[in-house]
Structure formats: structure tokens, C-alpha cells
N, C-alpha and C. Protein backbone atom coordinates (compact mmCIF):
# COMPACT_ATOMS: atom_id res chain seq x y z
N MET A 1 7.04 -12.05 16.61
CA MET A 1 7.99 -12.91 15.36
C MET A 1 9.10 -12.44 14.86
N ARG A 2 10.03 -13.04 14.71
CA ARG A 2 10.51 -12.34 13.07
C ARG A 2 9.16 -12.74 11.81
N PHE A 3 9.98 -12.05 10.67
CA PHE A 3 8.33 -12.13 9.24
C PHE A 3 9.38 -14.08 9.65
N GLU A 4 10.31 -14.02 8.86
CA GLU A 4 11.30 -15.78 8.04
C GLU A 4 10.55 -17.25 9.15
N GLU A 5 10.26 -16.70 10.08
CA GLU A 5 9.04 -17.71 10.88
C GLU A 5 8.37 -18.14 10.69
N PHE A 6 7.60 -16.59 10.42
CA PHE A 6 5.65 -16.69 10.39
C PHE A 6 5.52 -17.13 8.42
N ASN A 7 7.39 -17.00 7.89
CA ASN A 7 6.56 -16.81 6.14
C ASN A 7 6.60 -18.94 5.74
N LYS A 8 7.01 -19.33 7.43
CA LYS A 8 7.03 -21.36 7.39
C LYS A 8 6.35 -22.04 7.33
N GLU A 9 5.18 -21.08 7.56
CA GLU A 9 3.91 -21.28 8.14
C GLU A 9 2.35 -20.83 7.49
N ALA A 10 2.99 -19.30 7.88
CA ALA A 10 1.98 -18.51 6.88
C ALA A 10 1.60 -18.79 5.21
N GLU A 11 0.99 -18.42 4.25
CA GLU A 11 0.83 -18.37 3.40
C GLU A 11 0.14 -16.89 3.01
N LEU A 12 1.17 -15.86 2.06
CA LEU A 12 1.47 -14.89 2.47
C LEU A 12 0.11 -14.55 0.76
N ARG A 13 -0.93 -13.42 1.35
CA ARG A 13 -2.02 -13.50 -0.31
C ARG A 13 -1.87 -12.27 -0.26
N ALA A 14 -2.13 -11.82 -1.62
CA ALA A 14 -2.54 -9.88 -1.90
C ALA A 14 -3.46 -9.85 -2.79
N THR A 15 -4.48 -8.77 -2.81
CA THR A 15 -5.13 -8.45 -3.53
C THR A 15 -4.26 -7.30 -4.28
N VAL A 16 -4.62 -7.21 -5.88
CA VAL A 16 -4.20 -5.71 -6.59
C VAL A 16 -6.05 -5.28 -6.54
N ARG A 17 -6.02 -3.77 -5.81
CA ARG A 17 -6.65 -3.51 -5.74
C ARG A 17 -7.38 -2.78 -6.98
N GLU A 18 -9.20 -2.79 -7.81
CA GLU A 18 -9.40 -2.28 -9.57
C GLU A 18 -9.20 -0.74 -9.84
N LYS A 19 -9.17 0.26 -8.40
CA LYS A 19 -9.49 1.15 -8.96
C LYS A 19 -7.03 1.78 -8.94
N GLU A 20 -8.27 3.45 -9.71
CA GLU A 20 -6.97 4.03 -9.47
C GLU A 20 -6.98 5.00 -8.48
N TYR A 21 -5.72 5.13 -8.14
CA TYR A 21 -6.20 5.67 -6.61
C TYR A 21 -4.78 7.56 -6.81
N ALA A 22 -5.26 8.64 -5.69
CA ALA A 22 -4.38 9.40 -6.07
C ALA A 22 -4.00 9.82 -4.03
N ILE A 23 -2.59 9.95 -3.58
CA ILE A 23 -2.24 10.32 -3.14
C ILE A 23 -1.89 11.98 -2.97
N ALA A 24 -2.73 13.25 -2.02
CA ALA A 24 -2.15 14.68 -1.83
C ALA A 24 -2.71 14.46 -1.25
N LYS A 25 -1.42 15.94 -0.70
CA LYS A 25 -1.38 16.81 0.08
C LYS A 25 -2.63 17.81 -0.06
N VAL A 26 -3.52 17.58 1.74
CA VAL A 26 -5.10 18.86 0.92
C VAL A 26 -4.74 19.39 2.37
N ARG A 27 -5.75 20.55 2.17
CA ARG A 27 -6.11 21.64 2.42
C ARG A 27 -6.84 21.68 3.97
N SER A 28 -7.59 20.49 4.19
CA SER A 28 -7.61 20.33 5.55
C SER A 28 -8.48 18.58 5.07
N VAL A 29 -8.73 18.41 6.41
CA VAL A 29 -9.16 16.35 7.10
C VAL A 29 -10.54 16.30 6.28
N PRO A 30 -10.69 15.50 4.83
CA PRO A 30 -11.40 15.90 4.25
C PRO A 30 -13.31 14.55 5.58
N LYS A 31 -14.36 15.24 5.38
CA LYS A 31 -15.98 14.42 5.08
C LYS A 31 -14.89 12.39 5.13
N MET A 32 -14.77 11.72 5.51
CA MET A 32 -15.07 10.39 4.96
C MET A 32 -15.65 9.57 3.67
N GLY A 33 -15.82 9.30 3.24
CA GLY A 33 -16.11 8.80 2.24
C GLY A 33 -16.10 8.16 1.66
N PRO A 34 -16.64 6.99 0.67
CA PRO A 34 -16.83 6.11 0.16
C PRO A 34 -15.14 5.69 -1.05
N LYS A 35 -15.11 7.08 -1.93
CA LYS A 35 -13.44 7.30 -2.39
C LYS A 35 -12.14 7.18 -1.72
N ILE A 36 -12.43 7.27 -0.64
CA ILE A 36 -11.69 8.00 0.80
C ILE A 36 -10.78 6.45 0.95
N PHE A 37 -9.52 6.59 0.91
CA PHE A 37 -9.02 5.15 1.74
C PHE A 37 -8.29 5.23 2.92
N ALA A 38 -7.86 6.17 3.02
CA ALA A 38 -6.82 6.41 3.35
C ALA A 38 -6.72 8.04 3.92
N VAL A 39 -6.34 8.64 5.59
CA VAL A 39 -6.25 10.16 5.90
C VAL A 39 -5.26 9.64 6.61
N MET A 40 -4.35 10.42 6.55
CA MET A 40 -3.22 10.22 7.31
C MET A 40 -2.61 12.25 7.82
N THR A 41 -3.00 12.75 8.90
CA THR A 41 -2.45 13.75 9.55
C THR A 41 -0.73 13.61 10.44
N ASP A 42 0.48 14.49 10.55
CA ASP A 42 1.18 14.58 11.25
C ASP A 42 1.63 15.28 12.17
N GLY A 43 0.60 16.70 11.79
CA GLY A 43 0.68 17.76 12.71
C GLY A 43 1.41 18.39 11.78
N HIS A 44 1.63 18.58 9.93
CA HIS A 44 2.17 19.50 9.47
C HIS A 44 1.86 19.32 8.20
N GLU A 45 0.91 18.33 8.16
CA GLU A 45 0.11 17.68 6.67
C GLU A 45 -0.62 17.63 6.88
N ILE A 46 -1.84 17.17 5.90
CA ILE A 46 -1.95 16.71 5.96
C ILE A 46 -2.41 16.10 4.43
N SER A 47 -1.87 14.45 4.38
CA SER A 47 -2.00 13.56 2.91
C SER A 47 -3.17 12.07 2.60
N VAL A 48 -3.97 12.22 1.59
CA VAL A 48 -5.22 11.54 1.33
C VAL A 48 -4.69 10.45 0.47
N VAL A 49 -5.45 9.32 0.52
CA VAL A 49 -5.08 8.41 -0.36
C VAL A 49 -6.54 8.44 -0.67
N ALA A 50 -7.48 8.75 -2.40
CA ALA A 50 -8.49 8.08 -2.41
C ALA A 50 -7.87 7.79 -4.05
N GLU A 51 -9.89 7.64 -4.36
CA GLU A 51 -9.90 7.15 -5.48
C GLU A 51 -9.10 8.73 -6.61
N ALA A 52 -9.04 8.17 -8.11
CA ALA A 52 -8.07 9.08 -7.73
C ALA A 52 -9.24 10.36 -8.49
N ASP A 53 -10.39 9.81 -9.08
CA ASP A 53 -11.56 11.06 -9.39
C ASP A 53 -12.45 11.23 -8.35
N HIS A 54 -10.92 11.70 -7.45
CA HIS A 54 -11.99 12.22 -6.35
C HIS A 54 -12.02 14.45 -5.93
N GLU A 55 -12.94 14.32 -5.21
CA GLU A 55 -13.19 16.18 -5.48
C GLU A 55 -12.61 16.79 -3.99
N LEU A 56 -11.04 16.86 -3.88
CA LEU A 56 -11.33 17.18 -3.10
C LEU A 56 -9.90 18.54 -3.29
N ASP A 57 -9.29 18.99 -2.52
CA ASP A 57 -9.41 20.21 -1.99
C ASP A 57 -7.37 20.58 -1.90
N VAL A 58 -6.79 19.64 -3.41
CA VAL A 58 -5.77 19.07 -3.83
C VAL A 58 -4.64 20.40 -3.43
N LEU A 59 -3.22 20.68 -2.96
CA LEU A 59 -2.67 21.34 -2.69
C LEU A 59 -0.99 21.01 -4.18
N GLU A 60 -0.60 19.23 -3.54
CA GLU A 60 0.11 18.35 -4.77
C GLU A 60 -0.51 17.15 -4.38
N GLU A 61 -0.07 15.94 -5.58
CA GLU A 61 -0.76 14.97 -5.25
C GLU A 61 -0.24 14.11 -6.61
N GLU A 62 0.36 13.25 -7.16
CA GLU A 62 0.76 11.98 -7.47
C GLU A 62 -0.24 11.08 -7.77
N LYS A 63 -0.42 10.68 -9.06
CA LYS A 63 -1.14 9.90 -10.07
C LYS A 63 -1.26 9.09 -10.71
N PRO A 64 -1.48 8.56 -11.87
CA PRO A 64 -2.15 7.74 -10.99
C PRO A 64 -1.51 6.72 -10.36
N LEU A 65 -1.80 5.78 -9.28
CA LEU A 65 -0.99 4.90 -8.77
C LEU A 65 -2.21 3.45 -8.31
N ARG A 66 -1.86 2.70 -7.69
CA ARG A 66 -2.07 1.52 -7.52
C ARG A 66 -1.84 0.76 -6.28
N ILE A 67 -2.93 0.14 -5.91
CA ILE A 67 -2.81 -0.09 -4.25
C ILE A 67 -2.73 -1.53 -3.93
N ILE A 68 -2.42 -2.43 -3.39
CA ILE A 68 -1.93 -3.92 -3.97
C ILE A 68 -2.10 -4.38 -1.80
N SER A 69 -2.96 -4.53 -1.32
CA SER A 69 -3.06 -5.03 -0.16
C SER A 69 -3.43 -6.01 0.53
N PHE A 70 -2.94 -6.36 1.12
CA PHE A 70 -1.27 -7.79 2.03
C PHE A 70 -2.92 -8.78 2.92
N GLU A 71 -3.45 -9.76 2.75
CA GLU A 71 -4.78 -10.22 3.26
C GLU A 71 -4.42 -10.51 4.26
N THR A 72 -3.84 -11.40 4.73
CA THR A 72 -2.83 -12.13 5.52
C THR A 72 -2.60 -11.03 6.20
N ALA A 73 -4.07 -11.29 8.00
CA ALA A 73 -3.13 -10.85 9.05
C ALA A 73 -1.78 -11.08 9.37
N MET A 74 -1.32 -10.25 9.51
CA MET A 74 -0.38 -9.95 10.71
C MET A 74 -0.01 -9.45 11.74
N PRO A 75 0.53 -11.02 13.03
CA PRO A 75 -0.14 -10.05 14.69
C PRO A 75 1.66 -9.11 13.87
N PHE A 76 0.55 -8.03 15.67
CA PHE A 76 0.86 -7.16 16.11
C PHE A 76 2.54 -6.84 16.02
N ASP A 77 3.27 -7.78 16.65
CA ASP A 77 4.38 -7.86 17.07
C ASP A 77 5.54 -8.77 15.86
N LEU A 78 4.58 -9.14 14.95
CA LEU A 78 5.09 -8.95 13.46
C LEU A 78 6.02 -8.57 13.33
N ILE A 79 8.25 -8.65 13.37
CA ILE A 79 9.36 -8.24 13.03
C ILE A 79 9.10 -8.70 11.78
N GLY A 80 9.36 -6.98 10.69
CA GLY A 80 10.63 -7.59 9.10
C GLY A 80 9.32 -7.67 7.89
N PHE A 81 8.46 -7.54 7.51
CA PHE A 81 7.47 -7.67 6.83
C PHE A 81 7.70 -7.32 5.74
N LEU A 82 7.49 -5.35 6.02
CA LEU A 82 7.36 -4.46 5.31
C LEU A 82 9.15 -4.06 4.86
N ALA A 83 9.70 -4.62 5.88
CA ALA A 83 11.72 -5.16 5.50
C ALA A 83 11.53 -5.88 4.14
N TYR A 84 10.55 -6.72 4.14
CA TYR A 84 11.03 -7.92 3.26
C TYR A 84 10.34 -7.37 1.71
N ILE A 85 9.08 -7.17 2.14
CA ILE A 85 8.18 -7.18 0.86
C ILE A 85 8.84 -5.45 -0.08
N THR A 86 9.25 -4.84 1.14
CA THR A 86 9.81 -3.31 -0.01
C THR A 86 11.69 -3.85 -0.53
N LYS A 87 12.28 -4.63 0.01
CA LYS A 87 13.59 -5.32 -0.94
C LYS A 87 13.24 -5.19 -1.36
N LEU A 88 11.88 -6.49 -1.67
CA LEU A 88 12.18 -6.97 -2.82
C LEU A 88 11.01 -6.85 -4.13
N LEU A 89 11.15 -4.99 -3.72
CA LEU A 89 10.81 -4.52 -5.06
C LEU A 89 11.87 -3.11 -5.43
N ALA A 90 12.04 -2.49 -3.95
CA ALA A 90 13.37 -2.21 -4.53
C ALA A 90 14.67 -2.66 -4.86
N ASP A 91 14.59 -3.87 -4.73
CA ASP A 91 15.42 -5.13 -5.15
C ASP A 91 15.02 -4.11 -7.32
N HIS A 92 14.12 -4.60 -7.98
CA HIS A 92 13.61 -4.34 -8.61
C HIS A 92 13.34 -2.76 -9.62
N ASN A 93 13.42 -1.47 -8.93
CA ASN A 93 13.65 0.09 -9.28
C ASN A 93 12.22 0.35 -8.85
N ILE A 94 11.30 -0.39 -7.67
CA ILE A 94 10.04 -0.09 -7.76
C ILE A 94 10.24 0.19 -6.92
N SER A 95 9.57 1.88 -6.66
CA SER A 95 9.30 2.36 -5.33
C SER A 95 7.66 2.89 -4.81
N LEU A 96 7.35 2.82 -3.55
CA LEU A 96 5.87 2.48 -3.67
C LEU A 96 5.91 3.14 -1.81
N PHE A 97 4.95 3.30 -1.79
CA PHE A 97 4.31 4.46 -0.18
C PHE A 97 3.45 3.42 0.51
N ALA A 98 3.98 2.48 1.27
CA ALA A 98 3.11 1.92 2.44
C ALA A 98 2.65 2.56 3.93
N ILE A 99 1.58 1.79 3.29
CA ILE A 99 0.57 2.10 4.78
C ILE A 99 0.27 0.86 5.79
N SER A 100 -0.18 0.91 6.79
CA SER A 100 -0.51 -0.21 7.80
C SER A 100 -0.98 0.55 8.44
N ALA A 101 -2.42 -1.08 8.27
CA ALA A 101 -3.61 -0.91 9.01
C ALA A 101 -3.16 -1.71 10.78
N PHE A 102 -4.24 -2.38 11.63
CA PHE A 102 -3.48 -2.55 12.85
C PHE A 102 -3.55 -4.22 12.39
N SER A 103 -4.25 -4.64 11.67
CA SER A 103 -3.82 -6.65 10.83
C SER A 103 -3.01 -7.11 9.50
N THR A 104 -3.80 -5.24 8.66
CA THR A 104 -3.08 -5.78 7.63
C THR A 104 -1.99 -4.36 7.17
N ASP A 105 -1.45 -4.73 5.87
CA ASP A 105 -0.49 -4.22 4.96
C ASP A 105 -0.82 -2.87 3.58
N HIS A 106 -1.03 -1.50 3.12
CA HIS A 106 -1.24 -2.00 1.83
C HIS A 106 0.33 -0.64 1.23
N ILE A 107 0.63 -1.68 -0.26
CA ILE A 107 1.41 -0.62 -0.78
C ILE A 107 0.85 -0.25 -2.12
N LEU A 108 1.38 1.42 -1.33
CA LEU A 108 0.99 2.65 -3.86
C LEU A 108 2.42 1.77 -4.11
N MET A 109 2.13 1.99 -5.20
CA MET A 109 3.35 2.39 -6.73
C MET A 109 2.37 3.20 -6.93
N LYS A 110 3.01 3.64 -8.74
CA LYS A 110 2.70 4.03 -9.86
C LYS A 110 2.56 3.41 -11.03
N GLU A 111 1.17 3.54 -11.26
CA GLU A 111 0.10 2.56 -12.12
C GLU A 111 1.47 2.07 -12.78
N MET A 112 2.60 2.21 -14.28
CA MET A 112 3.44 2.22 -14.32
C MET A 112 4.29 0.67 -14.40
N PHE A 113 4.06 0.53 -12.53
CA PHE A 113 4.89 -0.42 -11.83
C PHE A 113 3.92 -1.25 -11.45
N LEU A 114 2.68 -1.75 -11.62
CA LEU A 114 2.22 -2.45 -10.69
C LEU A 114 2.28 -3.85 -11.87
N GLU A 115 2.51 -4.00 -12.78
CA GLU A 115 2.47 -5.30 -13.34
C GLU A 115 3.80 -5.46 -13.19
N LYS A 116 5.02 -5.39 -13.51
CA LYS A 116 6.33 -6.10 -12.49
C LYS A 116 5.86 -6.31 -11.18
N ALA A 117 5.73 -5.78 -10.23
CA ALA A 117 5.36 -5.61 -8.50
C ALA A 117 4.56 -6.83 -8.22
N VAL A 118 4.27 -7.42 -9.31
CA VAL A 118 3.48 -8.19 -9.14
C VAL A 118 3.85 -9.59 -9.58
N GLN A 119 4.53 -9.76 -10.49
CA GLN A 119 5.87 -11.08 -10.81
C GLN A 119 6.71 -10.65 -10.07
N VAL A 120 6.92 -9.57 -9.19
CA VAL A 120 7.99 -10.06 -8.09
C VAL A 120 7.80 -10.50 -7.59
N LEU A 121 6.32 -9.63 -6.74
CA LEU A 121 5.85 -10.20 -5.26
C LEU A 121 5.01 -12.43 -5.57
N ARG A 122 5.03 -12.48 -6.48
CA ARG A 122 4.36 -13.50 -7.43
C ARG A 122 5.49 -14.60 -6.80
N ASP A 123 6.65 -14.83 -7.21
CA ASP A 123 8.59 -15.07 -8.34
C ASP A 123 8.40 -15.41 -6.85
N ALA A 124 7.98 -14.40 -5.27
CA ALA A 124 8.13 -14.96 -3.49
C ALA A 124 7.32 -15.14 -3.39
N ASN A 125 6.29 -16.20 -3.93
CA ASN A 125 4.73 -17.40 -3.75
C ASN A 125 4.25 -15.99 -2.65
N VAL A 126 4.10 -15.35 -3.04
CA VAL A 126 2.64 -14.29 -2.53
C VAL A 126 1.84 -14.72 -3.34
N LYS A 127 0.69 -15.18 -3.10
CA LYS A 127 -0.61 -15.35 -3.75
C LYS A 127 -1.11 -13.91 -3.98
N VAL A 128 -1.24 -13.34 -5.34
CA VAL A 128 -1.38 -12.81 -5.43
C VAL A 128 -2.14 -12.46 -6.96
N GLU A 129 -3.88 -12.22 -6.57
CA GLU A 129 -4.97 -11.83 -6.97
C GLU A 129 -5.04 -10.28 -7.94
């Protein structure tokens, strides 16, 4: 299903997570815990999204970041949702990092872009809390 069709019937909802986060390149896969949001490994590096006050063995990191989580469950075969969201934000010079779970998506951005990103999403009829 194309996003344009889905968007006619679905209400897009998103939540801004209250905590600050970091994305870090780390030496080894960390033990999962409440401060870890996501762990990604591609065979070349290990990246972790965690609360900014983590205690990871960091090689490099970016922070402070904020996360907007899209609460609307997306069908697995949905086409174009992230393209739509990233274009909205790119058109306002907002850089982001996207993470997709099975049926939801999350975007991370530097703290300084959060307020503007929320306004852009609201202007596009996304219900952001």
C-alpha cells in the first residue's frame, strides 16, 4: 500500500520522548538494560542508541539527541512513509537518523532541531504529543 492511500484513512500520531539520547559507536555489544534504546551491528561497527547518561565503552558519539516515535502502527508493506517524513524535515534543513522497528518508526535528531521538527510535523497533520 502506498503511503498516500494509508494517510487518507489513518491518523498519524507521534510522541517526543522526554529524555536526551546519544548514538554511539562502541567496542562491543552492550548488555541490554533500561537505558538502551537500540543496538545495530552491520559486521563493521556496533552502534547503540542510549540515554545520554549511559556508561558505554564509546569510540565516537553524537549527543544530545531527541527521539520522535511514530505511534501509528504501519503495515509491513507500506511504501513511502519514511520518504514522506524525511522529505518534510529535509525541506526545513533538519538532519535526522531513522530507526524502523517491525511496525513503528523512530527519528532521532539533534536537540536544537526538535522544536522546529515538531512544528513541521504538526503542520503536516501529524498529532505530536
